[in-house]
PDB file of N, CA and C in Angstrom:
ATOM      1  N   MET A   1     -14.597   7.128  79.303  1.00  0.00           N
ATOM      2  CA  MET A   1     -14.101   8.011  78.252  1.00  0.00           C
ATOM      3  C   MET A   1     -14.700   9.440  78.307  1.00  0.00           C
ATOM      4  N   ASP A   2     -15.847   9.570  78.938  1.00  0.00           N
ATOM      5  CA  ASP A   2     -16.483  10.832  79.043  1.00  0.00           C
ATOM      6  C   ASP A   2     -15.688  11.876  79.799  1.00  0.00           C
ATOM      7  N   PRO A   3     -15.070  11.487  80.963  1.00  0.00           N
ATOM      8  CA  PRO A   3     -14.236  12.469  81.674  1.00  0.00           C
ATOM      9  C   PRO A   3     -13.008  12.928  80.846  1.00  0.00           C
ATOM     10  N   LEU A   4     -12.475  11.994  80.085  1.00  0.00           N
ATOM     11  CA  LEU A   4     -11.353  12.351  79.248  1.00  0.00           C
ATOM     12  C   LEU A   4     -11.788  13.279  78.144  1.00  0.00           C
ATOM     13  N   ALA A   5     -12.929  13.056  77.559  1.00  0.00           N
ATOM     14  CA  ALA A   5     -13.498  14.001  76.558  1.00  0.00           C
ATOM     15  C   ALA A   5     -13.689  15.380  77.150  1.00  0.00           C
ATOM     16  N   ASP A   6     -14.210  15.422  78.341  1.00  0.00           N
ATOM     17  CA  ASP A   6     -14.382  16.766  79.000  1.00  0.00           C
ATOM     18  C   ASP A   6     -13.094  17.489  79.217  1.00  0.00           C
ATOM     19  N   LYS A   7     -12.055  16.758  79.617  1.00  0.00           N
ATOM     20  CA  LYS A   7     -10.743  17.370  79.823  1.00  0.00           C
ATOM     21  C   LYS A   7     -10.176  17.887  78.485  1.00  0.00           C
ATOM     22  N   LEU A   8     -10.287  17.058  77.480  1.00  0.00           N
ATOM     23  CA  LEU A   8      -9.774  17.452  76.136  1.00  0.00           C
ATOM     24  C   LEU A   8     -10.543  18.654  75.615  1.00  0.00           C
ATOM     25  N   MET A   9     -11.851  18.687  75.795  1.00  0.00           N
ATOM     26  CA  MET A   9     -12.616  19.813  75.349  1.00  0.00           C
ATOM     27  C   MET A   9     -12.204  21.117  76.024  1.00  0.00           C
ATOM     28  N   LEU A  10     -12.032  21.033  77.382  1.00  0.00           N
ATOM     29  CA  LEU A  10     -11.621  22.238  78.099  1.00  0.00           C
ATOM     30  C   LEU A  10     -10.267  22.726  77.646  1.00  0.00           C
ATOM     31  N   LEU A  11      -9.302  21.792  77.482  1.00  0.00           N
ATOM     32  CA  LEU A  11      -8.000  22.166  77.009  1.00  0.00           C
ATOM     33  C   LEU A  11      -7.987  22.737  75.611  1.00  0.00           C
ATOM     34  N   THR A  12      -8.852  22.185  74.755  1.00  0.00           N
ATOM     35  CA  THR A  12      -8.968  22.712  73.379  1.00  0.00           C
ATOM     36  C   THR A  12      -9.537  24.132  73.364  1.00  0.00           C
ATOM     37  N   VAL A  13     -10.515  24.402  74.180  1.00  0.00           N
ATOM     38  CA  VAL A  13     -11.126  25.716  74.282  1.00  0.00           C
ATOM     39  C   VAL A  13     -10.070  26.706  74.815  1.00  0.00           C
ATOM     40  N   LEU A  14      -9.399  26.291  75.850  1.00  0.00           N
ATOM     41  CA  LEU A  14      -8.354  27.197  76.458  1.00  0.00           C
ATOM     42  C   LEU A  14      -7.206  27.482  75.447  1.00  0.00           C
ATOM     43  N   ILE A  15      -6.779  26.478  74.746  1.00  0.00           N
ATOM     44  CA  ILE A  15      -5.755  26.692  73.720  1.00  0.00           C
ATOM     45  C   ILE A  15      -6.224  27.662  72.641  1.00  0.00           C
ATOM     46  N   SER A  16      -7.463  27.477  72.209  1.00  0.00           N
ATOM     47  CA  SER A  16      -8.033  28.344  71.179  1.00  0.00           C
ATOM     48  C   SER A  16      -8.070  29.771  71.679  1.00  0.00           C
ATOM     49  N   LEU A  17      -8.473  29.974  72.924  1.00  0.00           N
ATOM     50  CA  LEU A  17      -8.547  31.319  73.478  1.00  0.00           C
ATOM     51  C   LEU A  17      -7.165  31.901  73.648  1.00  0.00           C
ATOM     52  N   TYR A  18      -6.179  31.056  73.977  1.00  0.00           N
ATOM     53  CA  TYR A  18      -4.808  31.550  74.032  1.00  0.00           C
ATOM     54  C   TYR A  18      -4.290  32.004  72.643  1.00  0.00           C
ATOM     55  N   ILE A  19      -4.577  31.188  71.663  1.00  0.00           N
ATOM     56  CA  ILE A  19      -4.142  31.572  70.266  1.00  0.00           C
ATOM     57  C   ILE A  19      -4.758  32.859  69.847  1.00  0.00           C
ATOM     58  N   LYS A  20      -5.989  33.099  70.257  1.00  0.00           N
ATOM     59  CA  LYS A  20      -6.660  34.402  69.916  1.00  0.00           C
ATOM     60  C   LYS A  20      -6.230  35.551  70.808  1.00  0.00           C
ATOM     61  N   GLY A  21      -5.345  35.270  71.811  1.00  0.00           N
ATOM     62  CA  GLY A  21      -4.826  36.312  72.686  1.00  0.00           C
ATOM     63  C   GLY A  21      -5.852  36.722  73.761  1.00  0.00           C
ATOM     64  N   ILE A  22      -6.773  35.833  74.089  1.00  0.00           N
ATOM     65  CA  ILE A  22      -7.803  36.158  75.082  1.00  0.00           C
ATOM     66  C   ILE A  22      -7.370  35.764  76.513  1.00  0.00           C
ATOM     67  N   ILE A  23      -6.608  34.699  76.603  1.00  0.00           N
ATOM     68  CA  ILE A  23      -6.148  34.252  77.947  1.00  0.00           C
ATOM     69  C   ILE A  23      -4.644  34.109  77.926  1.00  0.00           C
ATOM     70  N   PRO A  24      -4.006  34.221  79.075  1.00  0.00           N
ATOM     71  CA  PRO A  24      -2.535  34.042  79.125  1.00  0.00           C
ATOM     72  C   PRO A  24      -2.150  32.563  79.099  1.00  0.00           C
ATOM     73  N   GLU A  25      -0.918  32.318  78.720  1.00  0.00           N
ATOM     74  CA  GLU A  25      -0.377  30.964  78.556  1.00  0.00           C
ATOM     75  C   GLU A  25      -0.328  30.207  79.894  1.00  0.00           C
ATOM     76  N   ILE A  26      -0.101  30.916  80.984  1.00  0.00           N
ATOM     77  CA  ILE A  26      -0.008  30.248  82.290  1.00  0.00           C
ATOM     78  C   ILE A  26      -1.254  29.488  82.661  1.00  0.00           C
ATOM     79  N   ILE A  27      -2.405  29.936  82.191  1.00  0.00           N
ATOM     80  CA  ILE A  27      -3.656  29.202  82.474  1.00  0.00           C
ATOM     81  C   ILE A  27      -3.616  27.806  81.865  1.00  0.00           C
ATOM     82  N   ILE A  28      -3.173  27.749  80.598  1.00  0.00           N
ATOM     83  CA  ILE A  28      -3.116  26.468  79.918  1.00  0.00           C
ATOM     84  C   ILE A  28      -2.080  25.553  80.588  1.00  0.00           C
ATOM     85  N   ILE A  29      -0.969  26.103  80.975  1.00  0.00           N
ATOM     86  CA  ILE A  29       0.073  25.323  81.613  1.00  0.00           C
ATOM     87  C   ILE A  29      -0.444  24.731  82.916  1.00  0.00           C
ATOM     88  N   ILE A  30      -1.066  25.534  83.725  1.00  0.00           N
ATOM     89  CA  ILE A  30      -1.610  25.058  85.038  1.00  0.00           C
ATOM     90  C   ILE A  30      -2.645  23.965  84.833  1.00  0.00           C
ATOM     91  N   VAL A  31      -3.572  24.234  83.881  1.00  0.00           N
ATOM     92  CA  VAL A  31      -4.662  23.231  83.682  1.00  0.00           C
ATOM     93  C   VAL A  31      -4.078  21.951  83.054  1.00  0.00           C
ATOM     94  N   PHE A  32      -3.145  22.078  82.147  1.00  0.00           N
ATOM     95  CA  PHE A  32      -2.536  20.887  81.536  1.00  0.00           C
ATOM     96  C   PHE A  32      -1.824  20.043  82.589  1.00  0.00           C
ATOM     97  N   ILE A  33      -1.041  20.674  83.444  1.00  0.00           N
ATOM     98  CA  ILE A  33      -0.335  19.958  84.486  1.00  0.00           C
ATOM     99  C   ILE A  33      -1.312  19.288  85.419  1.00  0.00           C
ATOM    100  N   LYS A  34      -2.374  19.978  85.799  1.00  0.00           N
ATOM    101  CA  LYS A  34      -3.365  19.388  86.718  1.00  0.00           C
ATOM    102  C   LYS A  34      -4.026  18.188  86.057  1.00  0.00           C
ATOM    103  N   GLU A  35      -4.432  18.288  84.783  1.00  0.00           N
ATOM    104  CA  GLU A  35      -5.071  17.164  84.157  1.00  0.00           C
ATOM    105  C   GLU A  35      -4.112  15.982  83.910  1.00  0.00           C
ATOM    106  N   PHE A  36      -2.841  16.316  83.610  1.00  0.00           N
ATOM    107  CA  PHE A  36      -1.849  15.231  83.404  1.00  0.00           C
ATOM    108  C   PHE A  36      -1.672  14.493  84.747  1.00  0.00           C
ATOM    109  N   LEU A  37      -1.593  15.227  85.865  1.00  0.00           N
ATOM    110  CA  LEU A  37      -1.442  14.602  87.158  1.00  0.00           C
ATOM    111  C   LEU A  37      -2.636  13.780  87.529  1.00  0.00           C
ATOM    112  N   MET A  38      -3.837  14.293  87.170  1.00  0.00           N
ATOM    113  CA  MET A  38      -5.075  13.529  87.428  1.00  0.00           C
ATOM    114  C   MET A  38      -5.123  12.267  86.652  1.00  0.00           C
ATOM    115  N   ILE A  39      -4.774  12.320  85.378  1.00  0.00           N
ATOM    116  CA  ILE A  39      -4.825  11.079  84.554  1.00  0.00           C
ATOM    117  C   ILE A  39      -3.716  10.118  85.040  1.00  0.00           C
ATOM    118  N   GLY A  40      -2.493  10.613  85.269  1.00  0.00           N
ATOM    119  CA  GLY A  40      -1.443   9.758  85.731  1.00  0.00           C
ATOM    120  C   GLY A  40      -1.737   9.142  87.071  1.00  0.00           C
ATOM    121  N   GLY A  41      -2.265   9.962  87.996  1.00  0.00           N
ATOM    122  CA  GLY A  41      -2.596   9.471  89.344  1.00  0.00           C
ATOM    123  C   GLY A  41      -3.701   8.435  89.267  1.00  0.00           C
ATOM    124  N   ALA A  42      -4.712   8.671  88.422  1.00  0.00           N
ATOM    125  CA  ALA A  42      -5.793   7.677  88.326  1.00  0.00           C
ATOM    126  C   ALA A  42      -5.263   6.341  87.772  1.00  0.00           C
ATOM    127  N   ILE A  43      -4.405   6.421  86.788  1.00  0.00           N
ATOM    128  CA  ILE A  43      -3.842   5.173  86.220  1.00  0.00           C
ATOM    129  C   ILE A  43      -3.003   4.462  87.293  1.00  0.00           C
ATOM    130  N   PHE A  44      -2.159   5.202  88.030  1.00  0.00           N
ATOM    131  CA  PHE A  44      -1.348   4.629  89.086  1.00  0.00           C
ATOM    132  C   PHE A  44      -2.229   3.941  90.142  1.00  0.00           C
ATOM    133  N   LEU A  45      -3.239   4.655  90.617  1.00  0.00           N
ATOM    134  CA  LEU A  45      -4.120   4.136  91.656  1.00  0.00           C
ATOM    135  C   LEU A  45      -4.862   2.892  91.160  1.00  0.00           C
ATOM    136  N   TYR A  46      -5.272   2.875  89.948  1.00  0.00           N
ATOM    137  CA  TYR A  46      -6.027   1.694  89.443  1.00  0.00           C
ATOM    138  C   TYR A  46      -5.116   0.506  89.303  1.00  0.00           C
ATOM    139  N   LYS A  47      -3.905   0.753  88.729  1.00  0.00           N
ATOM    140  CA  LYS A  47      -2.972  -0.372  88.520  1.00  0.00           C
ATOM    141  C   LYS A  47      -2.411  -0.929  89.808  1.00  0.00           C
ATOM    142  N   ASN A  48      -2.093  -0.090  90.750  1.00  0.00           N
ATOM    143  CA  ASN A  48      -1.378  -0.487  91.939  1.00  0.00           C
ATOM    144  C   ASN A  48      -2.302  -0.781  93.131  1.00  0.00           C
ATOM    145  N   ARG A  49      -3.427  -0.135  93.179  1.00  0.00           N
ATOM    146  CA  ARG A  49      -4.302  -0.281  94.378  1.00  0.00           C
ATOM    147  C   ARG A  49      -5.726  -0.671  94.013  1.00  0.00           C
ATOM    148  N   LYS A  50      -6.014  -0.784  92.726  1.00  0.00           N
ATOM    149  CA  LYS A  50      -7.344  -1.096  92.232  1.00  0.00           C
ATOM    150  C   LYS A  50      -8.382  -0.088  92.742  1.00  0.00           C
ATOM    151  N   ILE A  51      -7.974   1.174  92.870  1.00  0.00           N
ATOM    152  CA  ILE A  51      -8.855   2.227  93.245  1.00  0.00           C
ATOM    153  C   ILE A  51      -9.291   3.021  91.991  1.00  0.00           C
ATOM    154  N   VAL A  52     -10.566   3.171  91.835  1.00  0.00           N
ATOM    155  CA  VAL A  52     -11.136   3.975  90.701  1.00  0.00           C
ATOM    156  C   VAL A  52     -11.426   5.389  91.278  1.00  0.00           C
ATOM    157  N   VAL A  53     -10.750   6.358  90.634  1.00  0.00           N
ATOM    158  CA  VAL A  53     -10.922   7.753  91.063  1.00  0.00           C
ATOM    159  C   VAL A  53     -12.292   8.224  90.592  1.00  0.00           C
ATOM    160  N   GLU A  54     -13.098   8.635  91.555  1.00  0.00           N
ATOM    161  CA  GLU A  54     -14.423   9.148  91.224  1.00  0.00           C
ATOM    162  C   GLU A  54     -14.433  10.660  91.278  1.00  0.00           C
ATOM    163  N   SER A  55     -15.355  11.244  90.551  1.00  0.00           N
ATOM    164  CA  SER A  55     -15.462  12.715  90.593  1.00  0.00           C
ATOM    165  C   SER A  55     -15.923  13.159  91.999  1.00  0.00           C
ATOM    166  N   ASN A  56     -15.589  14.395  92.293  1.00  0.00           N
ATOM    167  CA  ASN A  56     -16.064  14.882  93.572  1.00  0.00           C
ATOM    168  C   ASN A  56     -16.618  16.342  93.378  1.00  0.00           C
ATOM    169  N   PHE A  57     -17.146  16.849  94.430  1.00  0.00           N
ATOM    170  CA  PHE A  57     -17.782  18.189  94.432  1.00  0.00           C
ATOM    171  C   PHE A  57     -16.869  19.264  93.916  1.00  0.00           C
ATOM    172  N   PHE A  58     -15.583  19.255  94.424  1.00  0.00           N
ATOM    173  CA  PHE A  58     -14.695  20.325  94.025  1.00  0.00           C
ATOM    174  C   PHE A  58     -14.311  20.248  92.528  1.00  0.00           C
ATOM    175  N   GLY A  59     -14.247  19.021  92.017  1.00  0.00           N
ATOM    176  CA  GLY A  59     -13.984  18.881  90.578  1.00  0.00           C
ATOM    177  C   GLY A  59     -15.111  19.394  89.740  1.00  0.00           C
ATOM    178  N   LYS A  60     -16.303  19.109  90.149  1.00  0.00           N
ATOM    179  CA  LYS A  60     -17.507  19.613  89.392  1.00  0.00           C
ATOM    180  C   LYS A  60     -17.603  21.139  89.490  1.00  0.00           C
ATOM    181  N   ILE A  61     -17.359  21.683  90.659  1.00  0.00           N
ATOM    182  CA  ILE A  61     -17.423  23.133  90.777  1.00  0.00           C
ATOM    183  C   ILE A  61     -16.304  23.782  89.964  1.00  0.00           C
ATOM    184  N   ALA A  62     -15.127  23.216  89.947  1.00  0.00           N
ATOM    185  CA  ALA A  62     -14.013  23.728  89.160  1.00  0.00           C
ATOM    186  C   ALA A  62     -14.348  23.745  87.654  1.00  0.00           C
ATOM    187  N   SER A  63     -14.930  22.621  87.207  1.00  0.00           N
ATOM    188  CA  SER A  63     -15.301  22.565  85.769  1.00  0.00           C
ATOM    189  C   SER A  63     -16.391  23.539  85.429  1.00  0.00           C
ATOM    190  N   ALA A  64     -17.398  23.637  86.271  1.00  0.00           N
ATOM    191  CA  ALA A  64     -18.459  24.622  86.035  1.00  0.00           C
ATOM    192  C   ALA A  64     -17.941  26.056  86.033  1.00  0.00           C
ATOM    193  N   SER A  65     -17.001  26.353  86.940  1.00  0.00           N
ATOM    194  CA  SER A  65     -16.488  27.692  87.012  1.00  0.00           C
ATOM    195  C   SER A  65     -15.618  28.002  85.784  1.00  0.00           C
ATOM    196  N   PHE A  66     -14.955  27.003  85.244  1.00  0.00           N
ATOM    197  CA  PHE A  66     -14.214  27.261  83.992  1.00  0.00           C
ATOM    198  C   PHE A  66     -15.149  27.572  82.844  1.00  0.00           C
ATOM    199  N   TYR A  67     -16.255  26.873  82.728  1.00  0.00           N
ATOM    200  CA  TYR A  67     -17.180  27.163  81.704  1.00  0.00           C
ATOM    201  C   TYR A  67     -17.732  28.562  81.783  1.00  0.00           C
ATOM    202  N   VAL A  68     -18.048  28.948  82.992  1.00  0.00           N
ATOM    203  CA  VAL A  68     -18.618  30.297  83.204  1.00  0.00           C
ATOM    204  C   VAL A  68     -17.536  31.348  82.894  1.00  0.00           C
ATOM    205  N   ALA A  69     -16.308  31.080  83.330  1.00  0.00           N
ATOM    206  CA  ALA A  69     -15.184  32.023  83.104  1.00  0.00           C
ATOM    207  C   ALA A  69     -14.883  32.177  81.606  1.00  0.00           C
ATOM    208  N   VAL A  70     -14.925  31.069  80.892  1.00  0.00           N
ATOM    209  CA  VAL A  70     -14.680  31.094  79.437  1.00  0.00           C
ATOM    210  C   VAL A  70     -15.765  31.892  78.739  1.00  0.00           C
ATOM    211  N   ILE A  71     -16.972  31.666  79.090  1.00  0.00           N
ATOM    212  CA  ILE A  71     -18.073  32.413  78.479  1.00  0.00           C
ATOM    213  C   ILE A  71     -17.937  33.908  78.796  1.00  0.00           C
ATOM    214  N   ALA A  72     -17.578  34.194  80.061  1.00  0.00           N
ATOM    215  CA  ALA A  72     -17.353  35.627  80.491  1.00  0.00           C
ATOM    216  C   ALA A  72     -16.255  36.260  79.670  1.00  0.00           C
ATOM    217  N   LYS A  73     -15.151  35.518  79.463  1.00  0.00           N
ATOM    218  CA  LYS A  73     -14.017  36.026  78.666  1.00  0.00           C
ATOM    219  C   LYS A  73     -14.473  36.332  77.229  1.00  0.00           C
ATOM    220  N   ILE A  74     -15.198  35.373  76.631  1.00  0.00           N
ATOM    221  CA  ILE A  74     -15.606  35.546  75.240  1.00  0.00           C
ATOM    222  C   ILE A  74     -16.544  36.778  75.103  1.00  0.00           C
ATOM    223  N   LEU A  75     -17.433  36.928  76.091  1.00  0.00           N
ATOM    224  CA  LEU A  75     -18.370  38.031  76.074  1.00  0.00           C
ATOM    225  C   LEU A  75     -17.838  39.352  76.610  1.00  0.00           C
ATOM    226  N   LYS A  76     -16.611  39.265  77.068  1.00  0.00           N
ATOM    227  CA  LYS A  76     -15.890  40.428  77.621  1.00  0.00           C
ATOM    228  C   LYS A  76     -16.609  41.081  78.824  1.00  0.00           C
ATOM    229  N   TRP A  77     -17.126  40.221  79.678  1.00  0.00           N
ATOM    230  CA  TRP A  77     -17.754  40.712  80.886  1.00  0.00           C
ATOM    231  C   TRP A  77     -16.771  41.311  81.844  1.00  0.00           C
ATOM    232  N   PRO A  78     -17.236  42.261  82.636  1.00  0.00           N
ATOM    233  CA  PRO A  78     -16.358  42.797  83.685  1.00  0.00           C
ATOM    234  C   PRO A  78     -15.969  41.650  84.646  1.00  0.00           C
ATOM    235  N   TYR A  79     -14.796  41.715  85.203  1.00  0.00           N
ATOM    236  CA  TYR A  79     -14.298  40.737  86.156  1.00  0.00           C
ATOM    237  C   TYR A  79     -14.077  39.337  85.578  1.00  0.00           C
ATOM    238  N   SER A  80     -14.093  39.237  84.245  1.00  0.00           N
ATOM    239  CA  SER A  80     -13.897  37.909  83.659  1.00  0.00           C
ATOM    240  C   SER A  80     -12.466  37.366  83.914  1.00  0.00           C
ATOM    241  N   ASN A  81     -11.476  38.267  84.045  1.00  0.00           N
ATOM    242  CA  ASN A  81     -10.139  37.824  84.417  1.00  0.00           C
ATOM    243  C   ASN A  81     -10.131  37.182  85.789  1.00  0.00           C
ATOM    244  N   ALA A  82     -10.794  37.902  86.715  1.00  0.00           N
ATOM    245  CA  ALA A  82     -10.911  37.373  88.111  1.00  0.00           C
ATOM    246  C   ALA A  82     -11.610  36.021  88.109  1.00  0.00           C
ATOM    247  N   MET A  83     -12.645  35.916  87.305  1.00  0.00           N
ATOM    248  CA  MET A  83     -13.409  34.654  87.217  1.00  0.00           C
ATOM    249  C   MET A  83     -12.514  33.527  86.732  1.00  0.00           C
ATOM    250  N   LEU A  84     -11.687  33.822  85.776  1.00  0.00           N
ATOM    251  CA  LEU A  84     -10.786  32.817  85.216  1.00  0.00           C
ATOM    252  C   LEU A  84      -9.764  32.374  86.229  1.00  0.00           C
ATOM    253  N   TYR A  85      -9.203  33.304  86.983  1.00  0.00           N
ATOM    254  CA  TYR A  85      -8.216  32.906  88.010  1.00  0.00           C
ATOM    255  C   TYR A  85      -8.873  32.192  89.155  1.00  0.00           C
ATOM    256  N   ILE A  86     -10.118  32.552  89.475  1.00  0.00           N
ATOM    257  CA  ILE A  86     -10.838  31.770  90.508  1.00  0.00           C
ATOM    258  C   ILE A  86     -11.060  30.331  90.031  1.00  0.00           C
ATOM    259  N   ALA A  87     -11.343  30.180  88.731  1.00  0.00           N
ATOM    260  CA  ALA A  87     -11.515  28.831  88.216  1.00  0.00           C
ATOM    261  C   ALA A  87     -10.188  28.046  88.287  1.00  0.00           C
ATOM    262  N   VAL A  88      -9.084  28.691  88.025  1.00  0.00           N
ATOM    263  CA  VAL A  88      -7.786  28.030  88.135  1.00  0.00           C
ATOM    264  C   VAL A  88      -7.553  27.624  89.569  1.00  0.00           C
ATOM    265  N   PHE A  89      -7.828  28.540  90.517  1.00  0.00           N
ATOM    266  CA  PHE A  89      -7.625  28.226  91.945  1.00  0.00           C
ATOM    267  C   PHE A  89      -8.545  27.072  92.359  1.00  0.00           C
ATOM    268  N   LEU A  90      -9.739  27.029  91.909  1.00  0.00           N
ATOM    269  CA  LEU A  90     -10.658  25.945  92.242  1.00  0.00           C
ATOM    270  C   LEU A  90     -10.171  24.593  91.641  1.00  0.00           C
ATOM    271  N   THR A  91      -9.610  24.626  90.472  1.00  0.00           N
ATOM    272  CA  THR A  91      -9.123  23.433  89.819  1.00  0.00           C
ATOM    273  C   THR A  91      -7.931  22.881  90.631  1.00  0.00           C
ATOM    274  N   LEU A  92      -7.112  23.784  91.167  1.00  0.00           N
ATOM    275  CA  LEU A  92      -6.005  23.308  92.002  1.00  0.00           C
ATOM    276  C   LEU A  92      -6.489  22.746  93.336  1.00  0.00           C
ATOM    277  N   ILE A  93      -7.506  23.343  93.923  1.00  0.00           N
ATOM    278  CA  ILE A  93      -8.143  22.799  95.100  1.00  0.00           C
ATOM    279  C   ILE A  93      -8.707  21.395  94.845  1.00  0.00           C
ATOM    280  N   ALA A  94      -9.317  21.241  93.685  1.00  0.00           N
ATOM    281  CA  ALA A  94      -9.876  19.918  93.298  1.00  0.00           C
ATOM    282  C   ALA A  94      -8.766  18.929  93.199  1.00  0.00           C
ATOM    283  N   LEU A  95      -7.615  19.276  92.613  1.00  0.00           N
ATOM    284  CA  LEU A  95      -6.474  18.374  92.498  1.00  0.00           C
ATOM    285  C   LEU A  95      -6.030  17.943  93.885  1.00  0.00           C
ATOM    286  N   VAL A  96      -5.904  18.851  94.784  1.00  0.00           N
ATOM    287  CA  VAL A  96      -5.470  18.522  96.187  1.00  0.00           C
ATOM    288  C   VAL A  96      -6.496  17.628  96.802  1.00  0.00           C
ATOM    289  N   GLN A  97      -7.800  17.871  96.631  1.00  0.00           N
ATOM    290  CA  GLN A  97      -8.837  17.063  97.215  1.00  0.00           C
ATOM    291  C   GLN A  97      -8.821  15.621  96.671  1.00  0.00           C
ATOM    292  N   TYR A  98      -8.605  15.510  95.343  1.00  0.00           N
ATOM    293  CA  TYR A  98      -8.487  14.192  94.775  1.00  0.00           C
ATOM    294  C   TYR A  98      -7.326  13.450  95.364  1.00  0.00           C
ATOM    295  N   GLY A  99      -6.190  14.113  95.508  1.00  0.00           N
ATOM    296  CA  GLY A  99      -5.055  13.480  96.065  1.00  0.00           C
ATOM    297  C   GLY A  99      -5.229  13.058  97.519  1.00  0.00           C
ATOM    298  N   ILE A 100      -5.830  13.925  98.323  1.00  0.00           N
ATOM    299  CA  ILE A 100      -6.052  13.602  99.711  1.00  0.00           C
ATOM    300  C   ILE A 100      -7.050  12.427  99.844  1.00  0.00           C
ATOM    301  N   LYS A 101      -8.048  12.483  99.076  1.00  0.00           N
ATOM    302  CA  LYS A 101      -9.094  11.434  99.157  1.00  0.00           C
ATOM    303  C   LYS A 101      -8.603  10.083  98.672  1.00  0.00           C
ATOM    304  N   ASN A 102      -7.924  10.056  97.521  1.00  0.00           N
ATOM    305  CA  ASN A 102      -7.563   8.809  96.899  1.00  0.00           C
ATOM    306  C   ASN A 102      -6.204   8.204  97.302  1.00  0.00           C
ATOM    307  N   PHE A 103      -5.247   9.029  97.595  1.00  0.00           N
ATOM    308  CA  PHE A 103      -3.929   8.495  97.986  1.00  0.00           C
ATOM    309  C   PHE A 103      -3.905   8.117  99.469  1.00  0.00           C
ATOM    310  N   ALA A 104      -4.855   8.614 100.244  1.00  0.00           N
ATOM    311  CA  ALA A 104      -4.917   8.306 101.656  1.00  0.00           C
ATOM    312  C   ALA A 104      -5.641   6.988 101.920  1.00  0.00           C
ATOM    313  N   LYS A 105      -6.315   6.474 100.846  1.00  0.00           N
ATOM    314  CA  LYS A 105      -7.007   5.156 101.000  1.00  0.00           C
ATOM    315  C   LYS A 105      -6.000   4.054 101.257  1.00  0.00           C
ATOM    316  N   THR A 106      -6.405   3.102 102.060  1.00  0.00           N
ATOM    317  CA  THR A 106      -5.573   1.900 102.278  1.00  0.00           C
ATOM    318  C   THR A 106      -6.266   0.720 101.634  1.00  0.00           C
ATOM    319  N   ASP A 107      -5.484  -0.311 101.388  1.00  0.00           N
ATOM    320  CA  ASP A 107      -6.034  -1.512 100.802  1.00  0.00           C
ATOM    321  C   ASP A 107      -6.847  -2.345 101.779  1.00  0.00           C
TER     322      ASP A 107
END
């Protein structure tokens, strides 16, 4: 349940920042789609192949970069927009890495 709580917290923070006009809507859409695919993929893999999706380095870096980017946006640091888009890019790389690692496994 802890990974789900982390995902929900991140989405809640991003939605709050969007409502305040601090971040664009596309960030939320990308992150929501990525998290939906992660959850759906994990359920599929567990039900059909008995594979438990484990966290990986890219996922941890992506999460940490989002936290740094959100703090930077709130504090209005220079380059905070770039930091936010780097975090989005890293989260997409993490999604690809999870897919490559877990869907390539054989029974």
